[in-house]
Amino acid sequence: MSQLRVRPAEPSDLAAVAAIYAHYVRTSTATFDVQEPPLSSWQARLDSTTVGDHFLVSQTTTGCAVMPTRERSGPALPTS
């Protein structure tokens, strides 16, 4: 049985976070982003002191997940 560990994101997590999130921006409607955020935007969120910019990561022995908290920048799908 795998164990789940949820913790604040760290700089060493950012490449994986960006890759996982970008996959869902490109292939699904699970996010409201219409462009993949660059790695620098993840670093900016980690460095930010603004409430809601920080995020958690979860680790298991079989994989991981990303749980960012952020306002949506616009519709993910065309509205017309």
C-alpha atoms as a PDB file:
ATOM      1  CA  MET A   1       0.000   0.000   0.000  1.00  0.00           C
ATOM      2  CA  SER A   2       1.355   3.440  -0.887  1.00  0.00           C
ATOM      3  CA  GLN A   3       1.558   6.288   1.586  1.00  0.00           C
ATOM      4  CA  LEU A   4       0.385   9.809   0.788  1.00  0.00           C
ATOM      5  CA  ARG A   5       2.363  12.822   1.954  1.00  0.00           C
ATOM      6  CA  VAL A   6       1.040  16.365   1.323  1.00  0.00           C
ATOM      7  CA  ARG A   7       3.500  19.209   1.815  1.00  0.00           C
ATOM      8  CA  PRO A   8       4.264  22.734   0.645  1.00  0.00           C
ATOM      9  CA  ALA A   9       5.934  22.832  -2.757  1.00  0.00           C
ATOM     10  CA  GLU A  10       9.702  23.287  -2.867  1.00  0.00           C
ATOM     11  CA  PRO A  11      11.983  24.592  -5.639  1.00  0.00           C
ATOM     12  CA  SER A  12      12.991  21.034  -6.538  1.00  0.00           C
ATOM     13  CA  ASP A  13       9.321  20.254  -7.346  1.00  0.00           C
ATOM     14  CA  LEU A  14       8.829  22.995  -9.915  1.00  0.00           C
ATOM     15  CA  ALA A  15       9.913  21.204 -13.104  1.00  0.00           C
ATOM     16  CA  ALA A  16       7.576  18.290 -12.355  1.00  0.00           C
ATOM     17  CA  VAL A  17       4.756  20.630 -11.322  1.00  0.00           C
ATOM     18  CA  ALA A  18       5.098  22.607 -14.558  1.00  0.00           C
ATOM     19  CA  ALA A  19       5.160  19.451 -16.687  1.00  0.00           C
ATOM     20  CA  ILE A  20       2.129  17.891 -14.993  1.00  0.00           C
ATOM     21  CA  TYR A  21       0.100  21.093 -15.153  1.00  0.00           C
ATOM     22  CA  ALA A  22       1.087  21.798 -18.780  1.00  0.00           C
ATOM     23  CA  HIS A  23      -0.161  18.364 -19.793  1.00  0.00           C
ATOM     24  CA  TYR A  24      -3.651  19.198 -18.519  1.00  0.00           C
ATOM     25  CA  VAL A  25      -3.636  22.667 -20.080  1.00  0.00           C
ATOM     26  CA  ARG A  26      -2.869  21.059 -23.474  1.00  0.00           C
ATOM     27  CA  THR A  27      -5.095  18.004 -23.282  1.00  0.00           C
ATOM     28  CA  SER A  28      -8.133  18.764 -21.137  1.00  0.00           C
ATOM     29  CA  THR A  29     -10.544  21.302 -19.750  1.00  0.00           C
ATOM     30  CA  ALA A  30      -9.404  20.606 -16.179  1.00  0.00           C
ATOM     31  CA  THR A  31      -7.780  24.055 -15.935  1.00  0.00           C
ATOM     32  CA  PHE A  32      -8.922  27.485 -17.001  1.00  0.00           C
ATOM     33  CA  ASP A  33      -5.509  28.337 -18.434  1.00  0.00           C
ATOM     34  CA  VAL A  34      -5.316  28.501 -22.201  1.00  0.00           C
ATOM     35  CA  GLN A  35      -1.502  28.592 -22.344  1.00  0.00           C
ATOM     36  CA  GLU A  36       1.023  26.557 -20.406  1.00  0.00           C
ATOM     37  CA  PRO A  37       2.491  28.669 -17.595  1.00  0.00           C
ATOM     38  CA  PRO A  38       6.283  28.954 -17.897  1.00  0.00           C
ATOM     39  CA  LEU A  39       8.499  27.550 -15.173  1.00  0.00           C
ATOM     40  CA  SER A  40       9.224  31.110 -14.042  1.00  0.00           C
ATOM     41  CA  SER A  41       5.549  31.577 -13.118  1.00  0.00           C
ATOM     42  CA  TRP A  42       5.725  28.571 -10.776  1.00  0.00           C
ATOM     43  CA  GLN A  43       8.857  30.009  -9.170  1.00  0.00           C
ATOM     44  CA  ALA A  44       7.095  33.367  -8.788  1.00  0.00           C
ATOM     45  CA  ARG A  45       4.187  31.677  -6.999  1.00  0.00           C
ATOM     46  CA  LEU A  46       6.571  29.885  -4.688  1.00  0.00           C
ATOM     47  CA  ASP A  47       8.395  33.153  -3.902  1.00  0.00           C
ATOM     48  CA  SER A  48       5.215  35.215  -3.553  1.00  0.00           C
ATOM     49  CA  THR A  49       3.824  36.537  -0.287  1.00  0.00           C
ATOM     50  CA  THR A  50       0.329  36.909  -1.790  1.00  0.00           C
ATOM     51  CA  VAL A  51      -2.360  34.720  -0.248  1.00  0.00           C
ATOM     52  CA  GLY A  52      -3.384  31.980  -2.681  1.00  0.00           C
ATOM     53  CA  ASP A  53      -0.147  31.916  -4.670  1.00  0.00           C
ATOM     54  CA  HIS A  54       1.430  29.064  -2.712  1.00  0.00           C
ATOM     55  CA  PHE A  55       0.538  25.492  -3.505  1.00  0.00           C
ATOM     56  CA  LEU A  56       0.877  21.995  -2.158  1.00  0.00           C
ATOM     57  CA  VAL A  57       2.229  18.844  -3.714  1.00  0.00           C
ATOM     58  CA  SER A  58       1.372  15.316  -2.759  1.00  0.00           C
ATOM     59  CA  GLN A  59       3.732  12.418  -3.013  1.00  0.00           C
ATOM     60  CA  THR A  60       3.036   8.732  -2.998  1.00  0.00           C
ATOM     61  CA  THR A  61       5.225   5.757  -3.641  1.00  0.00           C
ATOM     62  CA  THR A  62       3.378   5.374  -6.961  1.00  0.00           C
ATOM     63  CA  GLY A  63       3.129   8.967  -8.241  1.00  0.00           C
ATOM     64  CA  CYS A  64       2.315  12.570  -7.404  1.00  0.00           C
ATOM     65  CA  ALA A  65      -0.295  15.287  -7.889  1.00  0.00           C
ATOM     66  CA  VAL A  66      -0.307  19.075  -7.983  1.00  0.00           C
ATOM     67  CA  MET A  67      -2.853  21.256  -6.210  1.00  0.00           C
ATOM     68  CA  PRO A  68      -2.334  24.918  -7.154  1.00  0.00           C
ATOM     69  CA  THR A  69      -4.726  27.550  -5.876  1.00  0.00           C
ATOM     70  CA  ARG A  70      -5.146  30.474  -8.246  1.00  0.00           C
ATOM     71  CA  GLU A  71      -7.835  32.668  -9.777  1.00  0.00           C
ATOM     72  CA  ARG A  72      -8.683  31.801 -13.341  1.00  0.00           C
ATOM     73  CA  SER A  73      -7.279  34.021 -16.104  1.00  0.00           C
ATOM     74  CA  GLY A  74     -10.101  33.458 -18.585  1.00  0.00           C
ATOM     75  CA  PRO A  75     -12.211  30.794 -20.220  1.00  0.00           C
ATOM     76  CA  ALA A  76     -10.475  27.577 -21.206  1.00  0.00           C
ATOM     77  CA  LEU A  77     -12.850  27.092 -24.116  1.00  0.00           C
ATOM     78  CA  PRO A  78     -13.996  29.591 -26.743  1.00  0.00           C
ATOM     79  CA  THR A  79     -17.167  31.362 -25.661  1.00  0.00           C
ATOM     80  CA  SER A  80     -18.488  32.143 -29.128  1.00  0.00           C
END
